[in-house]
Amino acid sequence: MASAITQKGQVTLPKTVRDYLGVTPGALVEFVLGKDGQVMVVPASPARRKPNSRFAKLRGQAGEGMSTKDIMKLTRGD
């Protein structure tokens, strides 16, 4: 399977490759140069991954079990 390289040197990983690697948007990958001239694309090791924001633990917590209407009511003070 082939992908074109953009003017900025970017390439899109085909969906089958993303699925195989288990990577999602925002994930980091590493390009490993082999001695035989081949290049491997692998998920970045945990130590090299982008650190989570200080708010990452809070994502999905606000209004758990509440409807959007109830959350809006609560935030607006209705």
C-alpha atoms as a PDB file:
ATOM      1  CA  MET A   1       0.000   0.000   0.000  1.00  0.00           C
ATOM      2  CA  ALA A   2       1.296   3.451  -0.841  1.00  0.00           C
ATOM      3  CA  SER A   3       0.792   6.965   0.527  1.00  0.00           C
ATOM      4  CA  ALA A   4       1.845  10.263  -1.015  1.00  0.00           C
ATOM      5  CA  ILE A   5       4.190  12.620   0.828  1.00  0.00           C
ATOM      6  CA  THR A   6       2.877  16.191   1.140  1.00  0.00           C
ATOM      7  CA  GLN A   7       4.847  19.393   0.537  1.00  0.00           C
ATOM      8  CA  LYS A   8       5.499  19.517   4.293  1.00  0.00           C
ATOM      9  CA  GLY A   9       6.909  15.975   4.295  1.00  0.00           C
ATOM     10  CA  GLN A  10       3.824  14.497   5.936  1.00  0.00           C
ATOM     11  CA  VAL A  11       2.308  11.144   5.104  1.00  0.00           C
ATOM     12  CA  THR A  12      -1.020   9.613   6.101  1.00  0.00           C
ATOM     13  CA  LEU A  13      -0.830   6.147   7.607  1.00  0.00           C
ATOM     14  CA  PRO A  14      -3.461   3.954   5.951  1.00  0.00           C
ATOM     15  CA  LYS A  15      -6.302   2.854   8.238  1.00  0.00           C
ATOM     16  CA  THR A  16      -5.210  -0.783   8.130  1.00  0.00           C
ATOM     17  CA  VAL A  17      -1.753   0.238   9.425  1.00  0.00           C
ATOM     18  CA  ARG A  18      -3.243   2.488  12.150  1.00  0.00           C
ATOM     19  CA  ASP A  19      -5.535  -0.342  13.235  1.00  0.00           C
ATOM     20  CA  TYR A  20      -2.672  -2.857  13.214  1.00  0.00           C
ATOM     21  CA  LEU A  21      -0.481  -0.551  15.356  1.00  0.00           C
ATOM     22  CA  GLY A  22      -3.397   0.376  17.603  1.00  0.00           C
ATOM     23  CA  VAL A  23      -2.746   4.095  17.205  1.00  0.00           C
ATOM     24  CA  THR A  24      -5.410   6.798  17.291  1.00  0.00           C
ATOM     25  CA  PRO A  25      -5.358  10.513  16.415  1.00  0.00           C
ATOM     26  CA  GLY A  26      -2.838  12.312  18.607  1.00  0.00           C
ATOM     27  CA  ALA A  27      -0.786   9.167  19.275  1.00  0.00           C
ATOM     28  CA  LEU A  28       2.944   9.268  18.611  1.00  0.00           C
ATOM     29  CA  VAL A  29       4.786   6.840  16.376  1.00  0.00           C
ATOM     30  CA  GLU A  30       8.503   6.266  15.957  1.00  0.00           C
ATOM     31  CA  PHE A  31      10.377   5.605  12.748  1.00  0.00           C
ATOM     32  CA  VAL A  32      13.062   3.010  13.370  1.00  0.00           C
ATOM     33  CA  LEU A  33      15.871   2.744  10.813  1.00  0.00           C
ATOM     34  CA  GLY A  34      17.013  -0.829  10.253  1.00  0.00           C
ATOM     35  CA  LYS A  35      20.571  -1.793   9.336  1.00  0.00           C
ATOM     36  CA  ASP A  36      19.269  -3.337   6.133  1.00  0.00           C
ATOM     37  CA  GLY A  37      17.848   0.032   4.967  1.00  0.00           C
ATOM     38  CA  GLN A  38      14.264  -0.694   5.920  1.00  0.00           C
ATOM     39  CA  VAL A  39      12.220   1.725   8.008  1.00  0.00           C
ATOM     40  CA  MET A  40       9.735   0.467  10.583  1.00  0.00           C
ATOM     41  CA  VAL A  41       6.848   2.457  12.028  1.00  0.00           C
ATOM     42  CA  VAL A  42       6.092   1.518  15.642  1.00  0.00           C
ATOM     43  CA  PRO A  43       3.990   3.080  18.404  1.00  0.00           C
ATOM     44  CA  ALA A  44       6.146   5.360  20.560  1.00  0.00           C
ATOM     45  CA  SER A  45       7.279   3.803  23.810  1.00  0.00           C
ATOM     46  CA  PRO A  46       5.490   5.109  26.937  1.00  0.00           C
ATOM     47  CA  ALA A  47       8.529   7.176  27.947  1.00  0.00           C
ATOM     48  CA  ARG A  48       8.443   9.054  24.629  1.00  0.00           C
ATOM     49  CA  ARG A  49       4.699   9.672  24.490  1.00  0.00           C
ATOM     50  CA  LYS A  50       3.275  13.111  24.858  1.00  0.00           C
ATOM     51  CA  PRO A  51       2.500  13.763  28.533  1.00  0.00           C
ATOM     52  CA  ASN A  52      -1.166  14.091  29.446  1.00  0.00           C
ATOM     53  CA  SER A  53      -2.417  17.501  30.406  1.00  0.00           C
ATOM     54  CA  ARG A  54      -3.046  18.166  34.065  1.00  0.00           C
ATOM     55  CA  PHE A  55      -6.754  18.009  33.269  1.00  0.00           C
ATOM     56  CA  ALA A  56      -6.657  14.556  31.630  1.00  0.00           C
ATOM     57  CA  LYS A  57      -7.856  12.790  34.796  1.00  0.00           C
ATOM     58  CA  LEU A  58     -10.914  15.049  34.915  1.00  0.00           C
ATOM     59  CA  ARG A  59     -12.099  14.369  31.360  1.00  0.00           C
ATOM     60  CA  GLY A  60     -15.488  12.714  31.274  1.00  0.00           C
ATOM     61  CA  GLN A  61     -16.190  13.327  34.966  1.00  0.00           C
ATOM     62  CA  ALA A  62     -18.400  16.395  34.893  1.00  0.00           C
ATOM     63  CA  GLY A  63     -22.055  15.505  35.049  1.00  0.00           C
ATOM     64  CA  GLU A  64     -21.533  11.770  34.956  1.00  0.00           C
ATOM     65  CA  GLY A  65     -24.983  10.200  34.806  1.00  0.00           C
ATOM     66  CA  MET A  66     -26.683  13.547  34.110  1.00  0.00           C
ATOM     67  CA  SER A  67     -28.445  14.580  30.932  1.00  0.00           C
ATOM     68  CA  THR A  68     -27.230  17.554  28.937  1.00  0.00           C
ATOM     69  CA  LYS A  69     -30.390  19.407  29.950  1.00  0.00           C
ATOM     70  CA  ASP A  70     -29.629  18.806  33.669  1.00  0.00           C
ATOM     71  CA  ILE A  71     -26.002  19.918  33.267  1.00  0.00           C
ATOM     72  CA  MET A  72     -27.054  23.123  31.481  1.00  0.00           C
ATOM     73  CA  LYS A  73     -29.603  23.804  34.214  1.00  0.00           C
ATOM     74  CA  LEU A  74     -26.925  23.328  36.880  1.00  0.00           C
ATOM     75  CA  THR A  75     -24.329  25.541  35.162  1.00  0.00           C
ATOM     76  CA  ARG A  76     -26.833  28.316  34.426  1.00  0.00           C
ATOM     77  CA  GLY A  77     -28.277  28.297  37.923  1.00  0.00           C
ATOM     78  CA  ASP A  78     -31.843  27.681  36.693  1.00  0.00           C
END
